[in-house]
Amino acid sequence: MDTCITVWHWPKHERWYDEGVRQSLELIREAGFTHINWNPDSGSSYLLSDAEIEFTRRIVAEAGLKTHSVHASNGVNPVSELAHAGPTPFAMETRKNILSPHEWQRQSGVELLKNRVDLAAALGAPNVVLHVDITDDAFRSAGTEQSFFEPLYRSLDDVEAFCLELKVQIAVETLVKASAQNYHKLYARLFARYDSNFIGLCYDSGHWELIEPGKVSVLELYGDRLLATHIHDNFGAKDDHLLPFDGRLDWNTITKAIAATDYVTPLNFETPTDRYVLAEASYYQRAHTIAVRLEGMITAARGKSAN
C-alpha cells in the first residue's frame, strides 16, 4: 500500500541540508513509507542550484522513495510551520514575493516559484503546493481585491507555460488567515481563470478545521480540483500538525469526502516530528501505522460508493 509523509529539515543537525535529510529519508523508507512530500526550504527565498536539485533527486532515489509533491515557496511565508518555535534564520529572507506590487520583487518571486517547479520535475513530482497568502482584507472593497489579485494573476500567468511544459501542476493550499467563505472566493476566481491541468487545490485538513470546524465544504465544492493533501490533526485552537486521531478532527467524514473525489492517493502526512518526544525512527513507525489506517478508510469508502 502506498503511503506518504513530509520530509522536513532540522537545523539542529550540523549538515541538515544533506546528511540530516538523507538520514530522515532512510528512516522514512524503513518505516514502510513509499512516497514523500519534499518540504525543505519551503518557507524561504532560497534558490536551489542545479547541483542541489540533482543531489536532491539522487538522495530521494537512493532511499527508494517517490515524491508525491513538493512544497513550493512564494517568497513570503508568514503562515509557515517553520515558525512553530520562532522564526528560523533561513526562513526570514522574504524579498522575493509573487504578490508584490513592485515589479522587480514580483518577478523575483516568479523566478523562485519556477525554481521549485524545476525541483518537482527533477523529482518526478506531479505538483508543487503553493501558499497564496490571502486575508479577509483582500475582499474588503473592489480596490483591495484588485490590488491583491492583479499581481497574483500576473505571476501565475508568467509561470503557466513553464508548468505546462514540465507537466507540474500548482496546488493552492488552504491556509488560516481568511474565512472559509473567502477561500471559496479565491478558488472560484482561480479555477475560473486557469485550467485544471495547471491550477488545483491542496486540502490542508488541520488548517481547514481551524477556519470551518467540523466541515469540509472546500472538498464538497472543489473536490474536482483536488491535487494534493496535507493531512494532520489539531484540537481546534492552534495549528498543531499532530498525527491523525491525536486531535479532534473527524477522519471518517474527511476520508469519505476525499474518497468522493478523483484524488490520486496516497494521502500526505504533514506532521513534523518535533510535536512528539519519540525518537525519529519510532515516530515514523507510528505515523506509518496511522497512514495505513487512513488509506484503508479511503479504499473502503471508494469501494462502497462503487457498489
C-alpha atoms as a PDB file:
ATOM      1  CA  MET A   1       0.000   0.000   0.000  1.00  0.00           C
ATOM      2  CA  ASP A   2       1.312   3.440  -0.947  1.00  0.00           C
ATOM      3  CA  THR A   3       1.795   5.876   1.926  1.00  0.00           C
ATOM      4  CA  CYS A   4       3.328   9.358   2.088  1.00  0.00           C
ATOM      5  CA  ILE A   5       4.851  11.649   4.713  1.00  0.00           C
ATOM      6  CA  THR A   6       6.562  15.017   4.634  1.00  0.00           C
ATOM      7  CA  VAL A   7      10.340  15.153   4.985  1.00  0.00           C
ATOM      8  CA  TRP A   8      11.404  18.199   6.998  1.00  0.00           C
ATOM      9  CA  HIS A   9      14.722  19.932   7.574  1.00  0.00           C
ATOM     10  CA  TRP A  10      16.053  20.230  11.069  1.00  0.00           C
ATOM     11  CA  PRO A  11      18.843  22.816  11.561  1.00  0.00           C
ATOM     12  CA  LYS A  12      19.885  21.073  14.791  1.00  0.00           C
ATOM     13  CA  HIS A  13      21.814  18.720  12.522  1.00  0.00           C
ATOM     14  CA  GLU A  14      25.138  20.323  11.525  1.00  0.00           C
ATOM     15  CA  ARG A  15      24.566  19.336   7.898  1.00  0.00           C
ATOM     16  CA  TRP A  16      20.761  19.306   7.927  1.00  0.00           C
ATOM     17  CA  TYR A  17      20.673  20.125   4.215  1.00  0.00           C
ATOM     18  CA  ASP A  18      22.314  16.862   3.106  1.00  0.00           C
ATOM     19  CA  GLU A  19      23.248  14.275   5.736  1.00  0.00           C
ATOM     20  CA  GLY A  20      20.366  15.253   8.017  1.00  0.00           C
ATOM     21  CA  VAL A  21      17.781  14.958   5.260  1.00  0.00           C
ATOM     22  CA  ARG A  22      19.371  11.766   3.955  1.00  0.00           C
ATOM     23  CA  GLN A  23      19.055  10.176   7.398  1.00  0.00           C
ATOM     24  CA  SER A  24      15.371  11.152   7.590  1.00  0.00           C
ATOM     25  CA  LEU A  25      14.729   9.672   4.151  1.00  0.00           C
ATOM     26  CA  GLU A  26      16.259   6.365   5.198  1.00  0.00           C
ATOM     27  CA  LEU A  27      14.147   6.229   8.369  1.00  0.00           C
ATOM     28  CA  ILE A  28      11.000   7.080   6.398  1.00  0.00           C
ATOM     29  CA  ARG A  29      11.654   4.219   3.994  1.00  0.00           C
ATOM     30  CA  GLU A  30      12.484   1.785   6.802  1.00  0.00           C
ATOM     31  CA  ALA A  31       9.165   2.632   8.475  1.00  0.00           C
ATOM     32  CA  GLY A  32       7.357   1.491   5.320  1.00  0.00           C
ATOM     33  CA  PHE A  33       6.504   4.738   3.528  1.00  0.00           C
ATOM     34  CA  THR A  34       6.677   4.701  -0.251  1.00  0.00           C
ATOM     35  CA  HIS A  35       6.351   8.434  -1.006  1.00  0.00           C
ATOM     36  CA  ILE A  36       7.402  11.788   0.413  1.00  0.00           C
ATOM     37  CA  ASN A  37       6.323  15.380   0.253  1.00  0.00           C
ATOM     38  CA  TRP A  38       9.552  17.408  -0.099  1.00  0.00           C
ATOM     39  CA  ASN A  39       9.415  20.335   2.328  1.00  0.00           C
ATOM     40  CA  PRO A  40      12.966  21.671   2.941  1.00  0.00           C
ATOM     41  CA  ASP A  41      13.299  25.397   2.078  1.00  0.00           C
ATOM     42  CA  SER A  42       9.541  25.702   1.555  1.00  0.00           C
ATOM     43  CA  GLY A  43       9.334  28.773   3.774  1.00  0.00           C
ATOM     44  CA  SER A  44      12.265  30.752   2.430  1.00  0.00           C
ATOM     45  CA  SER A  45      13.520  32.640  -0.604  1.00  0.00           C
ATOM     46  CA  TYR A  46      16.497  30.316  -1.012  1.00  0.00           C
ATOM     47  CA  LEU A  47      17.197  29.478  -4.660  1.00  0.00           C
ATOM     48  CA  LEU A  48      18.355  25.923  -5.307  1.00  0.00           C
ATOM     49  CA  SER A  49      21.253  25.496  -7.706  1.00  0.00           C
ATOM     50  CA  ASP A  50      21.217  22.871 -10.454  1.00  0.00           C
ATOM     51  CA  ALA A  51      23.706  20.841  -8.427  1.00  0.00           C
ATOM     52  CA  GLU A  52      21.434  20.940  -5.363  1.00  0.00           C
ATOM     53  CA  ILE A  53      18.421  19.856  -7.406  1.00  0.00           C
ATOM     54  CA  GLU A  54      20.366  16.935  -8.856  1.00  0.00           C
ATOM     55  CA  PHE A  55      21.673  15.994  -5.395  1.00  0.00           C
ATOM     56  CA  THR A  56      18.130  16.037  -4.013  1.00  0.00           C
ATOM     57  CA  ARG A  57      16.879  13.848  -6.872  1.00  0.00           C
ATOM     58  CA  ARG A  58      19.691  11.384  -6.213  1.00  0.00           C
ATOM     59  CA  ILE A  59      19.259  11.001  -2.442  1.00  0.00           C
ATOM     60  CA  VAL A  60      15.500  10.504  -2.767  1.00  0.00           C
ATOM     61  CA  ALA A  61      16.070   7.862  -5.464  1.00  0.00           C
ATOM     62  CA  GLU A  62      18.796   6.168  -3.401  1.00  0.00           C
ATOM     63  CA  ALA A  63      16.381   5.974  -0.471  1.00  0.00           C
ATOM     64  CA  GLY A  64      13.942   4.069  -2.696  1.00  0.00           C
ATOM     65  CA  LEU A  65      11.226   6.700  -2.332  1.00  0.00           C
ATOM     66  CA  LYS A  66       8.956   8.514  -4.775  1.00  0.00           C
ATOM     67  CA  THR A  67       7.976  12.171  -4.491  1.00  0.00           C
ATOM     68  CA  HIS A  68       4.232  12.796  -4.341  1.00  0.00           C
ATOM     69  CA  SER A  69       4.527  16.584  -4.036  1.00  0.00           C
ATOM     70  CA  VAL A  70       6.988  19.446  -3.475  1.00  0.00           C
ATOM     71  CA  HIS A  71       6.186  22.363  -1.187  1.00  0.00           C
ATOM     72  CA  ALA A  72       6.979  25.481  -3.185  1.00  0.00           C
ATOM     73  CA  SER A  73       7.818  28.908  -1.788  1.00  0.00           C
ATOM     74  CA  ASN A  74       6.010  32.129  -2.621  1.00  0.00           C
ATOM     75  CA  GLY A  75       8.944  34.133  -1.238  1.00  0.00           C
ATOM     76  CA  VAL A  76       6.969  35.427   1.730  1.00  0.00           C
ATOM     77  CA  ASN A  77       5.631  32.752   4.033  1.00  0.00           C
ATOM     78  CA  PRO A  78       4.160  34.190   7.261  1.00  0.00           C
ATOM     79  CA  VAL A  79       1.954  31.108   7.657  1.00  0.00           C
ATOM     80  CA  SER A  80       4.742  28.591   7.998  1.00  0.00           C
ATOM     81  CA  GLU A  81       5.263  25.566  10.173  1.00  0.00           C
ATOM     82  CA  LEU A  82       8.847  26.810  10.429  1.00  0.00           C
ATOM     83  CA  ALA A  83       7.609  29.491  12.827  1.00  0.00           C
ATOM     84  CA  HIS A  84       6.352  26.901  15.344  1.00  0.00           C
ATOM     85  CA  ALA A  85       9.166  27.651  17.803  1.00  0.00           C
ATOM     86  CA  GLY A  86      10.030  31.096  16.449  1.00  0.00           C
ATOM     87  CA  PRO A  87      11.353  32.106  13.026  1.00  0.00           C
ATOM     88  CA  THR A  88      14.487  30.309  11.957  1.00  0.00           C
ATOM     89  CA  PRO A  89      17.248  32.265  10.218  1.00  0.00           C
ATOM     90  CA  PHE A  90      16.843  30.592   6.834  1.00  0.00           C
ATOM     91  CA  ALA A  91      13.100  31.406   6.795  1.00  0.00           C
ATOM     92  CA  MET A  92      13.466  35.155   7.314  1.00  0.00           C
ATOM     93  CA  GLU A  93      14.637  36.222   3.841  1.00  0.00           C
ATOM     94  CA  THR A  94      11.459  37.439   2.127  1.00  0.00           C
ATOM     95  CA  ARG A  95      12.448  39.817  -0.672  1.00  0.00           C
ATOM     96  CA  LYS A  96      11.075  37.562  -3.414  1.00  0.00           C
ATOM     97  CA  ASN A  97       7.274  37.812  -3.463  1.00  0.00           C
ATOM     98  CA  ILE A  98       4.768  36.746  -6.140  1.00  0.00           C
ATOM     99  CA  LEU A  99       2.185  39.107  -4.614  1.00  0.00           C
ATOM    100  CA  SER A 100       4.352  42.227  -4.558  1.00  0.00           C
ATOM    101  CA  PRO A 101       3.155  45.421  -6.310  1.00  0.00           C
ATOM    102  CA  HIS A 102       6.834  46.137  -7.030  1.00  0.00           C
ATOM    103  CA  GLU A 103       7.581  44.541 -10.381  1.00  0.00           C
ATOM    104  CA  TRP A 104      11.196  43.547  -9.691  1.00  0.00           C
ATOM    105  CA  GLN A 105      10.102  41.844  -6.465  1.00  0.00           C
ATOM    106  CA  ARG A 106       7.178  40.074  -8.101  1.00  0.00           C
ATOM    107  CA  GLN A 107       9.400  38.812 -10.920  1.00  0.00           C
ATOM    108  CA  SER A 108      11.861  37.544  -8.315  1.00  0.00           C
ATOM    109  CA  GLY A 109       9.005  35.618  -6.719  1.00  0.00           C
ATOM    110  CA  VAL A 110       8.157  34.086 -10.091  1.00  0.00           C
ATOM    111  CA  GLU A 111      11.795  33.052 -10.521  1.00  0.00           C
ATOM    112  CA  LEU A 112      11.707  31.400  -7.098  1.00  0.00           C
ATOM    113  CA  LEU A 113       8.483  29.552  -7.913  1.00  0.00           C
ATOM    114  CA  LYS A 114       9.945  28.313 -11.197  1.00  0.00           C
ATOM    115  CA  ASN A 115      12.955  27.068  -9.230  1.00  0.00           C
ATOM    116  CA  ARG A 116      10.695  24.833  -7.153  1.00  0.00           C
ATOM    117  CA  VAL A 117       8.852  23.662 -10.266  1.00  0.00           C
ATOM    118  CA  ASP A 118      12.256  22.653 -11.645  1.00  0.00           C
ATOM    119  CA  LEU A 119      12.850  20.669  -8.447  1.00  0.00           C
ATOM    120  CA  ALA A 120       9.472  18.948  -8.730  1.00  0.00           C
ATOM    121  CA  ALA A 121      10.142  17.990 -12.339  1.00  0.00           C
ATOM    122  CA  ALA A 122      13.535  16.541 -11.407  1.00  0.00           C
ATOM    123  CA  LEU A 123      11.938  14.523  -8.603  1.00  0.00           C
ATOM    124  CA  GLY A 124       9.090  13.319 -10.813  1.00  0.00           C
ATOM    125  CA  ALA A 125       6.517  15.032  -8.591  1.00  0.00           C
ATOM    126  CA  PRO A 126       3.238  15.895 -10.345  1.00  0.00           C
ATOM    127  CA  ASN A 127       2.657  19.128  -8.433  1.00  0.00           C
ATOM    128  CA  VAL A 128       4.016  21.849  -6.177  1.00  0.00           C
ATOM    129  CA  VAL A 129       1.993  23.171  -3.257  1.00  0.00           C
ATOM    130  CA  LEU A 130       1.811  26.957  -3.089  1.00  0.00           C
ATOM    131  CA  HIS A 131       0.785  29.340  -0.316  1.00  0.00           C
ATOM    132  CA  VAL A 132      -1.326  32.227  -1.604  1.00  0.00           C
ATOM    133  CA  ASP A 133      -1.358  34.431   1.480  1.00  0.00           C
ATOM    134  CA  ILE A 134      -4.831  35.857   1.233  1.00  0.00           C
ATOM    135  CA  THR A 135      -6.598  37.563   4.141  1.00  0.00           C
ATOM    136  CA  ASP A 136     -10.150  38.772   4.621  1.00  0.00           C
ATOM    137  CA  ASP A 137      -8.920  42.301   3.846  1.00  0.00           C
ATOM    138  CA  ALA A 138      -8.454  41.292   0.201  1.00  0.00           C
ATOM    139  CA  PHE A 139     -12.241  41.301  -0.237  1.00  0.00           C
ATOM    140  CA  ARG A 140     -12.946  44.439   1.782  1.00  0.00           C
ATOM    141  CA  SER A 141     -13.571  46.509  -1.359  1.00  0.00           C
ATOM    142  CA  ALA A 142     -13.207  46.386  -5.129  1.00  0.00           C
ATOM    143  CA  GLY A 143      -9.938  48.269  -4.752  1.00  0.00           C
ATOM    144  CA  THR A 144      -8.370  45.889  -2.244  1.00  0.00           C
ATOM    145  CA  GLU A 145      -9.480  42.923  -4.325  1.00  0.00           C
ATOM    146  CA  GLN A 146      -7.838  44.355  -7.436  1.00  0.00           C
ATOM    147  CA  SER A 147      -4.648  45.163  -5.508  1.00  0.00           C
ATOM    148  CA  PHE A 148      -4.417  41.546  -4.341  1.00  0.00           C
ATOM    149  CA  PHE A 149      -5.376  39.679  -7.493  1.00  0.00           C
ATOM    150  CA  GLU A 150      -3.567  41.785 -10.085  1.00  0.00           C
ATOM    151  CA  PRO A 151      -0.011  40.745  -9.079  1.00  0.00           C
ATOM    152  CA  LEU A 152      -1.196  37.206  -8.307  1.00  0.00           C
ATOM    153  CA  TYR A 153      -2.675  36.766 -11.780  1.00  0.00           C
ATOM    154  CA  ARG A 154       0.403  38.250 -13.426  1.00  0.00           C
ATOM    155  CA  SER A 155       2.661  35.882 -11.506  1.00  0.00           C
ATOM    156  CA  LEU A 156       0.569  32.818 -12.327  1.00  0.00           C
ATOM    157  CA  ASP A 157       0.310  33.916 -15.959  1.00  0.00           C
ATOM    158  CA  ASP A 158       4.111  34.184 -16.033  1.00  0.00           C
ATOM    159  CA  VAL A 159       4.633  30.641 -14.726  1.00  0.00           C
ATOM    160  CA  GLU A 160       1.779  28.844 -16.525  1.00  0.00           C
ATOM    161  CA  ALA A 161       3.588  27.894 -19.741  1.00  0.00           C
ATOM    162  CA  PHE A 162       6.630  26.785 -17.731  1.00  0.00           C
ATOM    163  CA  CYS A 163       4.498  24.469 -15.572  1.00  0.00           C
ATOM    164  CA  LEU A 164       2.658  23.042 -18.556  1.00  0.00           C
ATOM    165  CA  GLU A 165       5.934  22.340 -20.358  1.00  0.00           C
ATOM    166  CA  LEU A 166       7.358  20.474 -17.341  1.00  0.00           C
ATOM    167  CA  LYS A 167       3.996  18.827 -16.541  1.00  0.00           C
ATOM    168  CA  VAL A 168       3.980  20.141 -12.978  1.00  0.00           C
ATOM    169  CA  GLN A 169       0.698  21.498 -11.582  1.00  0.00           C
ATOM    170  CA  ILE A 170       0.275  24.096  -8.835  1.00  0.00           C
ATOM    171  CA  ALA A 171      -1.885  23.131  -5.857  1.00  0.00           C
ATOM    172  CA  VAL A 172      -3.020  26.192  -3.887  1.00  0.00           C
ATOM    173  CA  GLU A 173      -3.150  25.349  -0.189  1.00  0.00           C
ATOM    174  CA  THR A 174      -5.931  26.099   2.281  1.00  0.00           C
ATOM    175  CA  LEU A 175      -4.393  28.361   4.933  1.00  0.00           C
ATOM    176  CA  VAL A 176      -5.816  30.110   8.009  1.00  0.00           C
ATOM    177  CA  LYS A 177      -5.753  33.902   7.580  1.00  0.00           C
ATOM    178  CA  ALA A 178      -9.112  34.230   5.792  1.00  0.00           C
ATOM    179  CA  SER A 179     -12.603  32.854   6.334  1.00  0.00           C
ATOM    180  CA  ALA A 180     -13.842  29.714   4.635  1.00  0.00           C
ATOM    181  CA  GLN A 181     -16.148  31.863   2.505  1.00  0.00           C
ATOM    182  CA  ASN A 182     -13.237  33.970   1.288  1.00  0.00           C
ATOM    183  CA  TYR A 183     -11.219  30.878   0.460  1.00  0.00           C
ATOM    184  CA  HIS A 184     -14.196  29.770  -1.619  1.00  0.00           C
ATOM    185  CA  LYS A 185     -13.957  33.115  -3.435  1.00  0.00           C
ATOM    186  CA  LEU A 186     -10.223  32.660  -4.005  1.00  0.00           C
ATOM    187  CA  TYR A 187     -10.673  29.206  -5.507  1.00  0.00           C
ATOM    188  CA  ALA A 188     -13.675  30.277  -7.570  1.00  0.00           C
ATOM    189  CA  ARG A 189     -11.591  33.035  -9.182  1.00  0.00           C
ATOM    190  CA  LEU A 190      -8.519  30.881  -9.737  1.00  0.00           C
ATOM    191  CA  PHE A 191     -10.411  27.898 -11.144  1.00  0.00           C
ATOM    192  CA  ALA A 192     -12.495  30.075 -13.456  1.00  0.00           C
ATOM    193  CA  ARG A 193      -9.345  31.694 -14.871  1.00  0.00           C
ATOM    194  CA  TYR A 194      -6.993  28.682 -15.080  1.00  0.00           C
ATOM    195  CA  ASP A 195      -7.464  25.134 -16.389  1.00  0.00           C
ATOM    196  CA  SER A 196      -7.204  22.072 -14.176  1.00  0.00           C
ATOM    197  CA  ASN A 197      -4.007  20.943 -15.888  1.00  0.00           C
ATOM    198  CA  PHE A 198      -2.320  23.993 -14.343  1.00  0.00           C
ATOM    199  CA  ILE A 199      -4.041  25.014 -11.077  1.00  0.00           C
ATOM    200  CA  GLY A 200      -5.766  22.928  -8.439  1.00  0.00           C
ATOM    201  CA  LEU A 201      -6.390  22.565  -4.724  1.00  0.00           C
ATOM    202  CA  CYS A 202      -4.256  21.427  -1.813  1.00  0.00           C
ATOM    203  CA  TYR A 203      -6.569  20.470   1.056  1.00  0.00           C
ATOM    204  CA  ASP A 204      -4.874  21.012   4.406  1.00  0.00           C
ATOM    205  CA  SER A 205      -7.042  19.210   6.935  1.00  0.00           C
ATOM    206  CA  GLY A 206      -5.753  20.971  10.029  1.00  0.00           C
ATOM    207  CA  HIS A 207      -5.940  24.452   8.524  1.00  0.00           C
ATOM    208  CA  TRP A 208      -9.491  23.906   7.289  1.00  0.00           C
ATOM    209  CA  GLU A 209     -10.613  22.683  10.709  1.00  0.00           C
ATOM    210  CA  LEU A 210      -9.437  25.982  12.200  1.00  0.00           C
ATOM    211  CA  ILE A 211     -11.476  28.134   9.811  1.00  0.00           C
ATOM    212  CA  GLU A 212     -14.537  25.889   9.356  1.00  0.00           C
ATOM    213  CA  PRO A 213     -14.714  23.475  12.307  1.00  0.00           C
ATOM    214  CA  GLY A 214     -16.221  20.091  11.568  1.00  0.00           C
ATOM    215  CA  LYS A 215     -16.904  20.827   7.909  1.00  0.00           C
ATOM    216  CA  VAL A 216     -15.286  20.028   4.560  1.00  0.00           C
ATOM    217  CA  SER A 217     -17.054  22.471   2.239  1.00  0.00           C
ATOM    218  CA  VAL A 218     -13.902  23.148   0.225  1.00  0.00           C
ATOM    219  CA  LEU A 219     -13.824  19.476  -0.772  1.00  0.00           C
ATOM    220  CA  GLU A 220     -17.548  19.433  -1.480  1.00  0.00           C
ATOM    221  CA  LEU A 221     -17.272  22.488  -3.742  1.00  0.00           C
ATOM    222  CA  TYR A 222     -13.870  21.991  -5.349  1.00  0.00           C
ATOM    223  CA  GLY A 223     -13.038  18.325  -4.919  1.00  0.00           C
ATOM    224  CA  ASP A 224     -12.801  18.006  -8.696  1.00  0.00           C
ATOM    225  CA  ARG A 225      -9.650  20.172  -8.491  1.00  0.00           C
ATOM    226  CA  LEU A 226      -8.002  18.292  -5.602  1.00  0.00           C
ATOM    227  CA  LEU A 227      -4.338  17.651  -6.406  1.00  0.00           C
ATOM    228  CA  ALA A 228      -2.568  17.451  -3.046  1.00  0.00           C
ATOM    229  CA  THR A 229      -3.283  16.882   0.632  1.00  0.00           C
ATOM    230  CA  HIS A 230      -1.656  17.999   3.865  1.00  0.00           C
ATOM    231  CA  ILE A 231      -3.051  15.631   6.454  1.00  0.00           C
ATOM    232  CA  HIS A 232      -2.710  16.452  10.155  1.00  0.00           C
ATOM    233  CA  ASP A 233      -4.803  16.906  13.291  1.00  0.00           C
ATOM    234  CA  ASN A 234      -5.414  19.548  15.969  1.00  0.00           C
ATOM    235  CA  PHE A 235      -7.785  20.485  18.784  1.00  0.00           C
ATOM    236  CA  GLY A 236      -9.405  23.424  17.013  1.00  0.00           C
ATOM    237  CA  ALA A 237      -7.378  26.228  18.598  1.00  0.00           C
ATOM    238  CA  LYS A 238      -3.855  26.058  17.166  1.00  0.00           C
ATOM    239  CA  ASP A 239      -2.139  24.695  14.066  1.00  0.00           C
ATOM    240  CA  ASP A 240      -0.728  21.718  15.948  1.00  0.00           C
ATOM    241  CA  HIS A 241       0.150  19.462  12.988  1.00  0.00           C
ATOM    242  CA  LEU A 242      -0.472  16.298  15.001  1.00  0.00           C
ATOM    243  CA  LEU A 243      -0.829  12.815  13.619  1.00  0.00           C
ATOM    244  CA  PRO A 244      -4.420  11.868  12.711  1.00  0.00           C
ATOM    245  CA  PHE A 245      -6.507  10.614  15.666  1.00  0.00           C
ATOM    246  CA  ASP A 246      -4.320  12.552  18.130  1.00  0.00           C
ATOM    247  CA  GLY A 247      -6.642  15.581  17.910  1.00  0.00           C
ATOM    248  CA  ARG A 248     -10.350  16.176  17.340  1.00  0.00           C
ATOM    249  CA  LEU A 249     -10.801  16.016  13.545  1.00  0.00           C
ATOM    250  CA  ASP A 250     -13.488  13.703  12.174  1.00  0.00           C
ATOM    251  CA  TRP A 251     -11.445  11.383   9.976  1.00  0.00           C
ATOM    252  CA  ASN A 252     -14.460   9.377   8.884  1.00  0.00           C
ATOM    253  CA  THR A 253     -16.020  12.499   7.344  1.00  0.00           C
ATOM    254  CA  ILE A 254     -12.717  13.688   5.869  1.00  0.00           C
ATOM    255  CA  THR A 255     -11.768  10.381   4.252  1.00  0.00           C
ATOM    256  CA  LYS A 256     -15.248   9.974   2.784  1.00  0.00           C
ATOM    257  CA  ALA A 257     -15.043  13.470   1.291  1.00  0.00           C
ATOM    258  CA  ILE A 258     -11.621  12.781  -0.225  1.00  0.00           C
ATOM    259  CA  ALA A 259     -12.755   9.361  -1.463  1.00  0.00           C
ATOM    260  CA  ALA A 260     -15.608  11.048  -3.329  1.00  0.00           C
ATOM    261  CA  THR A 261     -13.069  12.968  -5.448  1.00  0.00           C
ATOM    262  CA  ASP A 262     -10.653  11.731  -8.099  1.00  0.00           C
ATOM    263  CA  TYR A 263      -7.680  12.437  -5.827  1.00  0.00           C
ATOM    264  CA  VAL A 264      -4.751  10.150  -6.571  1.00  0.00           C
ATOM    265  CA  THR A 265      -3.550   8.619  -3.305  1.00  0.00           C
ATOM    266  CA  PRO A 266      -1.525   8.363  -1.148  1.00  0.00           C
ATOM    267  CA  LEU A 267      -2.531  10.996   1.356  1.00  0.00           C
ATOM    268  CA  ASN A 268       0.388  13.136   2.502  1.00  0.00           C
ATOM    269  CA  PHE A 269       1.022  13.417   6.235  1.00  0.00           C
ATOM    270  CA  GLU A 270       2.325  16.916   7.035  1.00  0.00           C
ATOM    271  CA  THR A 271       3.233  16.054  10.607  1.00  0.00           C
ATOM    272  CA  PRO A 272       6.635  17.241  11.853  1.00  0.00           C
ATOM    273  CA  THR A 273       8.486  15.090  14.356  1.00  0.00           C
ATOM    274  CA  ASP A 274       9.092  17.953  16.797  1.00  0.00           C
ATOM    275  CA  ARG A 275       5.489  17.704  18.048  1.00  0.00           C
ATOM    276  CA  TYR A 276       6.413  14.391  19.712  1.00  0.00           C
ATOM    277  CA  VAL A 277       9.020  13.180  22.200  1.00  0.00           C
ATOM    278  CA  LEU A 278       9.592   9.962  20.269  1.00  0.00           C
ATOM    279  CA  ALA A 279      12.866   9.150  18.577  1.00  0.00           C
ATOM    280  CA  GLU A 280      12.649   9.889  14.852  1.00  0.00           C
ATOM    281  CA  ALA A 281      12.589   6.217  13.827  1.00  0.00           C
ATOM    282  CA  SER A 282       9.847   5.380  16.337  1.00  0.00           C
ATOM    283  CA  TYR A 283       7.843   8.395  15.237  1.00  0.00           C
ATOM    284  CA  TYR A 284       7.874   7.367  11.564  1.00  0.00           C
ATOM    285  CA  GLN A 285       6.874   3.827  12.510  1.00  0.00           C
ATOM    286  CA  ARG A 286       3.892   5.101  14.467  1.00  0.00           C
ATOM    287  CA  ALA A 287       2.979   7.507  11.664  1.00  0.00           C
ATOM    288  CA  HIS A 288       3.079   4.713   9.099  1.00  0.00           C
ATOM    289  CA  THR A 289       0.627   2.584  11.064  1.00  0.00           C
ATOM    290  CA  ILE A 290      -1.811   5.509  11.084  1.00  0.00           C
ATOM    291  CA  ALA A 291      -1.194   6.218   7.380  1.00  0.00           C
ATOM    292  CA  VAL A 292      -2.121   2.644   6.507  1.00  0.00           C
ATOM    293  CA  ARG A 293      -5.301   3.010   8.550  1.00  0.00           C
ATOM    294  CA  LEU A 294      -6.332   6.177   6.685  1.00  0.00           C
ATOM    295  CA  GLU A 295      -5.512   4.715   3.280  1.00  0.00           C
ATOM    296  CA  GLY A 296      -7.708   1.766   4.188  1.00  0.00           C
ATOM    297  CA  MET A 297     -10.553   4.139   5.040  1.00  0.00           C
ATOM    298  CA  ILE A 298     -10.207   5.820   1.616  1.00  0.00           C
ATOM    299  CA  THR A 299     -10.218   2.426  -0.120  1.00  0.00           C
ATOM    300  CA  ALA A 300     -13.244   1.260   1.845  1.00  0.00           C
ATOM    301  CA  ALA A 301     -15.194   4.449   1.125  1.00  0.00           C
ATOM    302  CA  ARG A 302     -14.478   4.183  -2.587  1.00  0.00           C
ATOM    303  CA  GLY A 303     -15.464   0.543  -2.584  1.00  0.00           C
ATOM    304  CA  LYS A 304     -18.843   1.310  -1.027  1.00  0.00           C
ATOM    305  CA  SER A 305     -19.542   4.119  -3.492  1.00  0.00           C
ATOM    306  CA  ALA A 306     -18.749   1.811  -6.402  1.00  0.00           C
ATOM    307  CA  ASN A 307     -21.234  -0.827  -5.231  1.00  0.00           C
END
